[in-house]
Amino acid sequence: MFTGSLSCDLLLGDVRSLKEKRSVVRPIVAELHRKYAVSVAEVGDQDLYRRARIGLAVVSGDMGHLTDVLDRCERLLAGRPEVELLSVRRQIHGEDDE
């Protein structure tokens, strides 16, 4: 069994309030969950209206599948015109990790 996670720091475009931020972040979170069956949530910077931190996790029995899903999720975020992907932190753990 392998587990992988991404922590993605996003800069939001023309957002002037926390309400506008939710209207940008929620559809992204929902699309990642729907398309890739990952566990995903906004995990940081909730009080900053132009920044968002999205965290997601995947569990798979195959390392190739795991990295493919993480790559696709990262590409989806990088391709969204309303956000700029500032940084991504990727962690992968296998059965042999302690």
N, C-alpha and C. Protein backbone atom coordinates (compact mmCIF):
# COMPACT_ATOMS: atom_id res chain seq x y z
N MET A 1 0.84 -1.17 0.00
CA MET A 1 0.00 0.00 0.00
C MET A 1 0.89 1.24 0.00
N PHE A 2 0.48 2.23 -0.78
CA PHE A 2 1.19 3.50 -0.87
C PHE A 2 0.21 4.63 -0.59
N THR A 3 0.70 5.65 0.12
CA THR A 3 -0.08 6.86 0.34
C THR A 3 0.70 8.04 -0.19
N GLY A 4 -0.01 8.97 -0.78
CA GLY A 4 0.63 10.16 -1.30
C GLY A 4 -0.19 11.38 -0.97
N SER A 5 0.49 12.50 -0.83
CA SER A 5 -0.22 13.74 -0.54
C SER A 5 0.42 14.89 -1.28
N LEU A 6 -0.40 15.90 -1.56
CA LEU A 6 0.07 17.16 -2.12
C LEU A 6 -0.41 18.28 -1.21
N SER A 7 0.45 19.24 -0.98
CA SER A 7 0.07 20.48 -0.32
C SER A 7 0.38 21.59 -1.31
N CYS A 8 -0.65 22.27 -1.79
CA CYS A 8 -0.51 23.22 -2.88
C CYS A 8 -0.85 24.62 -2.40
N ASP A 9 0.08 25.55 -2.63
CA ASP A 9 -0.12 26.94 -2.26
C ASP A 9 -0.59 27.69 -3.51
N LEU A 10 -1.76 28.32 -3.42
CA LEU A 10 -2.36 28.99 -4.56
C LEU A 10 -2.49 30.48 -4.31
N LEU A 11 -2.26 31.25 -5.37
CA LEU A 11 -2.55 32.68 -5.36
C LEU A 11 -3.78 32.87 -6.22
N LEU A 12 -4.83 33.45 -5.63
CA LEU A 12 -6.08 33.64 -6.33
C LEU A 12 -6.04 34.95 -7.10
N GLY A 13 -6.73 34.96 -8.24
CA GLY A 13 -6.73 36.14 -9.10
C GLY A 13 -7.50 37.30 -8.50
N ASP A 14 -8.48 37.79 -9.20
CA ASP A 14 -9.24 38.98 -8.81
C ASP A 14 -10.28 38.64 -7.75
N VAL A 15 -9.81 38.46 -6.52
CA VAL A 15 -10.67 38.10 -5.39
C VAL A 15 -10.55 39.20 -4.36
N ARG A 16 -11.69 39.73 -3.89
CA ARG A 16 -11.66 40.86 -2.95
C ARG A 16 -12.32 40.56 -1.62
N SER A 17 -12.78 39.34 -1.42
CA SER A 17 -13.42 39.00 -0.14
C SER A 17 -13.31 37.50 0.09
N LEU A 18 -13.58 37.09 1.33
CA LEU A 18 -13.57 35.66 1.64
C LEU A 18 -14.71 34.94 0.94
N LYS A 19 -15.82 35.63 0.72
CA LYS A 19 -16.94 35.04 0.00
C LYS A 19 -16.54 34.74 -1.46
N GLU A 20 -15.86 35.67 -2.11
CA GLU A 20 -15.38 35.44 -3.47
C GLU A 20 -14.35 34.31 -3.49
N LYS A 21 -13.51 34.26 -2.44
CA LYS A 21 -12.52 33.19 -2.35
C LYS A 21 -13.20 31.83 -2.33
N ARG A 22 -14.26 31.70 -1.51
CA ARG A 22 -14.99 30.43 -1.45
C ARG A 22 -15.56 30.05 -2.81
N SER A 23 -16.01 31.05 -3.57
CA SER A 23 -16.60 30.76 -4.88
C SER A 23 -15.56 30.29 -5.89
N VAL A 24 -14.29 30.52 -5.61
CA VAL A 24 -13.20 30.03 -6.47
C VAL A 24 -12.69 28.68 -5.96
N VAL A 25 -12.48 28.57 -4.65
CA VAL A 25 -11.83 27.38 -4.07
C VAL A 25 -12.77 26.17 -4.06
N ARG A 26 -14.03 26.36 -3.69
CA ARG A 26 -14.95 25.22 -3.59
C ARG A 26 -15.09 24.43 -4.89
N PRO A 27 -15.25 25.08 -6.05
CA PRO A 27 -15.34 24.30 -7.29
C PRO A 27 -14.06 23.53 -7.62
N ILE A 28 -12.91 24.08 -7.25
CA ILE A 28 -11.64 23.38 -7.49
C ILE A 28 -11.57 22.13 -6.62
N VAL A 29 -11.90 22.28 -5.35
CA VAL A 29 -11.90 21.14 -4.42
C VAL A 29 -12.87 20.07 -4.90
N ALA A 30 -14.07 20.49 -5.31
CA ALA A 30 -15.08 19.53 -5.78
C ALA A 30 -14.64 18.82 -7.05
N GLU A 31 -14.00 19.54 -7.97
CA GLU A 31 -13.55 18.91 -9.22
C GLU A 31 -12.45 17.89 -8.96
N LEU A 32 -11.49 18.22 -8.10
CA LEU A 32 -10.43 17.26 -7.76
C LEU A 32 -11.03 15.99 -7.16
N HIS A 33 -11.98 16.15 -6.26
CA HIS A 33 -12.62 14.99 -5.61
C HIS A 33 -13.39 14.16 -6.63
N ARG A 34 -14.15 14.82 -7.47
CA ARG A 34 -15.00 14.12 -8.44
C ARG A 34 -14.17 13.42 -9.53
N LYS A 35 -13.18 14.11 -10.09
CA LYS A 35 -12.42 13.55 -11.21
C LYS A 35 -11.44 12.47 -10.79
N TYR A 36 -10.82 12.63 -9.62
CA TYR A 36 -9.72 11.74 -9.25
C TYR A 36 -9.95 10.93 -7.99
N ALA A 37 -11.12 11.06 -7.37
CA ALA A 37 -11.47 10.29 -6.16
C ALA A 37 -10.40 10.43 -5.07
N VAL A 38 -9.94 11.65 -4.86
CA VAL A 38 -8.97 11.93 -3.81
C VAL A 38 -9.67 12.59 -2.64
N SER A 39 -9.06 12.49 -1.48
CA SER A 39 -9.53 13.26 -0.33
C SER A 39 -8.88 14.63 -0.44
N VAL A 40 -9.69 15.67 -0.43
CA VAL A 40 -9.16 17.02 -0.67
C VAL A 40 -9.92 18.04 0.15
N ALA A 41 -9.18 19.08 0.61
CA ALA A 41 -9.79 20.14 1.40
C ALA A 41 -8.90 21.38 1.36
N GLU A 42 -9.51 22.51 1.67
CA GLU A 42 -8.72 23.71 1.91
C GLU A 42 -8.14 23.57 3.31
N VAL A 43 -6.83 23.61 3.44
CA VAL A 43 -6.19 23.27 4.71
C VAL A 43 -5.39 24.42 5.33
N GLY A 44 -5.37 25.56 4.69
CA GLY A 44 -4.62 26.67 5.26
C GLY A 44 -4.95 27.99 4.61
N ASP A 45 -4.48 29.05 5.23
CA ASP A 45 -4.69 30.41 4.73
C ASP A 45 -6.16 30.76 4.60
N GLN A 46 -7.00 30.23 5.47
CA GLN A 46 -8.44 30.50 5.39
C GLN A 46 -8.79 31.96 5.63
N ASP A 47 -7.95 32.69 6.36
CA ASP A 47 -8.25 34.08 6.65
C ASP A 47 -7.68 35.05 5.61
N LEU A 48 -6.92 34.56 4.65
CA LEU A 48 -6.36 35.40 3.59
C LEU A 48 -7.20 35.22 2.33
N TYR A 49 -7.73 36.30 1.79
CA TYR A 49 -8.66 36.14 0.68
C TYR A 49 -8.00 35.95 -0.67
N ARG A 50 -6.70 36.22 -0.83
CA ARG A 50 -6.05 35.99 -2.12
C ARG A 50 -5.14 34.77 -2.11
N ARG A 51 -5.07 34.05 -1.00
CA ARG A 51 -4.23 32.86 -0.91
C ARG A 51 -5.07 31.69 -0.44
N ALA A 52 -4.69 30.50 -0.90
CA ALA A 52 -5.36 29.28 -0.46
C ALA A 52 -4.34 28.15 -0.43
N ARG A 53 -4.48 27.28 0.53
CA ARG A 53 -3.66 26.07 0.59
C ARG A 53 -4.61 24.90 0.47
N ILE A 54 -4.40 24.09 -0.57
CA ILE A 54 -5.22 22.91 -0.83
C ILE A 54 -4.38 21.68 -0.50
N GLY A 55 -4.94 20.79 0.29
CA GLY A 55 -4.27 19.54 0.61
C GLY A 55 -5.08 18.38 0.06
N LEU A 56 -4.38 17.39 -0.48
CA LEU A 56 -5.08 16.21 -0.98
C LEU A 56 -4.27 14.97 -0.69
N ALA A 57 -4.98 13.84 -0.57
CA ALA A 57 -4.33 12.58 -0.24
C ALA A 57 -4.93 11.47 -1.09
N VAL A 58 -4.07 10.49 -1.41
CA VAL A 58 -4.44 9.34 -2.24
C VAL A 58 -3.86 8.08 -1.61
N VAL A 59 -4.61 7.01 -1.65
CA VAL A 59 -4.12 5.70 -1.22
C VAL A 59 -4.26 4.76 -2.41
N SER A 60 -3.20 3.98 -2.69
CA SER A 60 -3.24 3.06 -3.82
C SER A 60 -2.35 1.85 -3.53
N GLY A 61 -2.66 0.77 -4.17
CA GLY A 61 -1.83 -0.43 -4.06
C GLY A 61 -0.69 -0.43 -5.07
N ASP A 62 -0.70 0.53 -6.00
CA ASP A 62 0.28 0.58 -7.08
C ASP A 62 0.96 1.95 -7.09
N MET A 63 2.28 1.97 -6.98
CA MET A 63 3.02 3.23 -6.96
C MET A 63 2.85 4.02 -8.25
N GLY A 64 2.78 3.35 -9.38
CA GLY A 64 2.59 4.04 -10.66
C GLY A 64 1.27 4.77 -10.72
N HIS A 65 0.22 4.10 -10.26
CA HIS A 65 -1.11 4.73 -10.24
C HIS A 65 -1.12 5.93 -9.30
N LEU A 66 -0.48 5.79 -8.15
CA LEU A 66 -0.43 6.87 -7.18
C LEU A 66 0.25 8.11 -7.76
N THR A 67 1.40 7.95 -8.35
CA THR A 67 2.11 9.10 -8.92
C THR A 67 1.35 9.70 -10.10
N ASP A 68 0.66 8.86 -10.87
CA ASP A 68 -0.15 9.36 -11.99
C ASP A 68 -1.28 10.25 -11.48
N VAL A 69 -1.97 9.82 -10.43
CA VAL A 69 -3.07 10.61 -9.86
C VAL A 69 -2.54 11.93 -9.30
N LEU A 70 -1.43 11.89 -8.57
CA LEU A 70 -0.86 13.12 -8.03
C LEU A 70 -0.43 14.07 -9.14
N ASP A 71 0.18 13.53 -10.20
CA ASP A 71 0.57 14.36 -11.35
C ASP A 71 -0.64 15.02 -12.00
N ARG A 72 -1.72 14.26 -12.18
CA ARG A 72 -2.93 14.80 -12.80
C ARG A 72 -3.55 15.90 -11.95
N CYS A 73 -3.57 15.70 -10.66
CA CYS A 73 -4.11 16.72 -9.75
C CYS A 73 -3.28 18.00 -9.82
N GLU A 74 -1.98 17.85 -9.83
CA GLU A 74 -1.10 19.01 -9.92
C GLU A 74 -1.29 19.74 -11.25
N ARG A 75 -1.42 19.00 -12.35
CA ARG A 75 -1.66 19.63 -13.65
C ARG A 75 -3.00 20.35 -13.70
N LEU A 76 -4.02 19.77 -13.07
CA LEU A 76 -5.33 20.43 -13.03
C LEU A 76 -5.21 21.77 -12.33
N LEU A 77 -4.54 21.80 -11.19
CA LEU A 77 -4.38 23.06 -10.47
C LEU A 77 -3.54 24.07 -11.25
N ALA A 78 -2.48 23.60 -11.89
CA ALA A 78 -1.62 24.50 -12.67
C ALA A 78 -2.34 25.06 -13.89
N GLY A 79 -3.31 24.33 -14.40
CA GLY A 79 -4.02 24.75 -15.59
C GLY A 79 -5.22 25.64 -15.35
N ARG A 80 -5.59 25.85 -14.10
CA ARG A 80 -6.75 26.70 -13.80
C ARG A 80 -6.38 28.16 -14.02
N PRO A 81 -7.13 28.87 -14.87
CA PRO A 81 -6.77 30.26 -15.18
C PRO A 81 -7.01 31.23 -14.03
N GLU A 82 -7.90 30.88 -13.09
CA GLU A 82 -8.24 31.81 -12.02
C GLU A 82 -7.29 31.75 -10.83
N VAL A 83 -6.34 30.80 -10.86
CA VAL A 83 -5.36 30.69 -9.77
C VAL A 83 -3.96 30.53 -10.35
N GLU A 84 -2.98 30.91 -9.54
CA GLU A 84 -1.58 30.66 -9.89
C GLU A 84 -1.02 29.69 -8.86
N LEU A 85 -0.47 28.59 -9.33
CA LEU A 85 0.12 27.59 -8.45
C LEU A 85 1.51 28.06 -8.04
N LEU A 86 1.66 28.45 -6.77
CA LEU A 86 2.92 29.00 -6.29
C LEU A 86 3.92 27.92 -5.89
N SER A 87 3.42 26.90 -5.20
CA SER A 87 4.32 25.82 -4.78
C SER A 87 3.52 24.55 -4.52
N VAL A 88 4.23 23.43 -4.63
CA VAL A 88 3.62 22.12 -4.37
C VAL A 88 4.61 21.32 -3.53
N ARG A 89 4.10 20.74 -2.47
CA ARG A 89 4.91 19.83 -1.65
C ARG A 89 4.29 18.45 -1.77
N ARG A 90 5.07 17.50 -2.24
CA ARG A 90 4.60 16.13 -2.47
C ARG A 90 5.27 15.19 -1.49
N GLN A 91 4.47 14.32 -0.88
CA GLN A 91 5.00 13.29 0.00
C GLN A 91 4.40 11.95 -0.40
N ILE A 92 5.26 10.93 -0.45
CA ILE A 92 4.81 9.57 -0.77
C ILE A 92 5.40 8.63 0.28
N HIS A 93 4.54 7.77 0.79
CA HIS A 93 4.95 6.79 1.79
C HIS A 93 4.55 5.40 1.33
N GLY A 94 5.45 4.45 1.53
CA GLY A 94 5.18 3.06 1.19
C GLY A 94 5.08 2.21 2.44
N GLU A 95 4.82 0.93 2.25
CA GLU A 95 4.69 0.01 3.38
C GLU A 95 5.96 -0.11 4.19
N ASP A 96 7.11 0.09 3.55
CA ASP A 96 8.39 -0.07 4.24
C ASP A 96 8.79 1.15 5.04
N ASP A 97 8.08 2.28 4.87
CA ASP A 97 8.39 3.48 5.63
C ASP A 97 7.97 3.31 7.07
N GLU A 98 8.70 3.95 7.94
CA GLU A 98 8.34 3.90 9.37
C GLU A 98 7.93 5.23 9.87
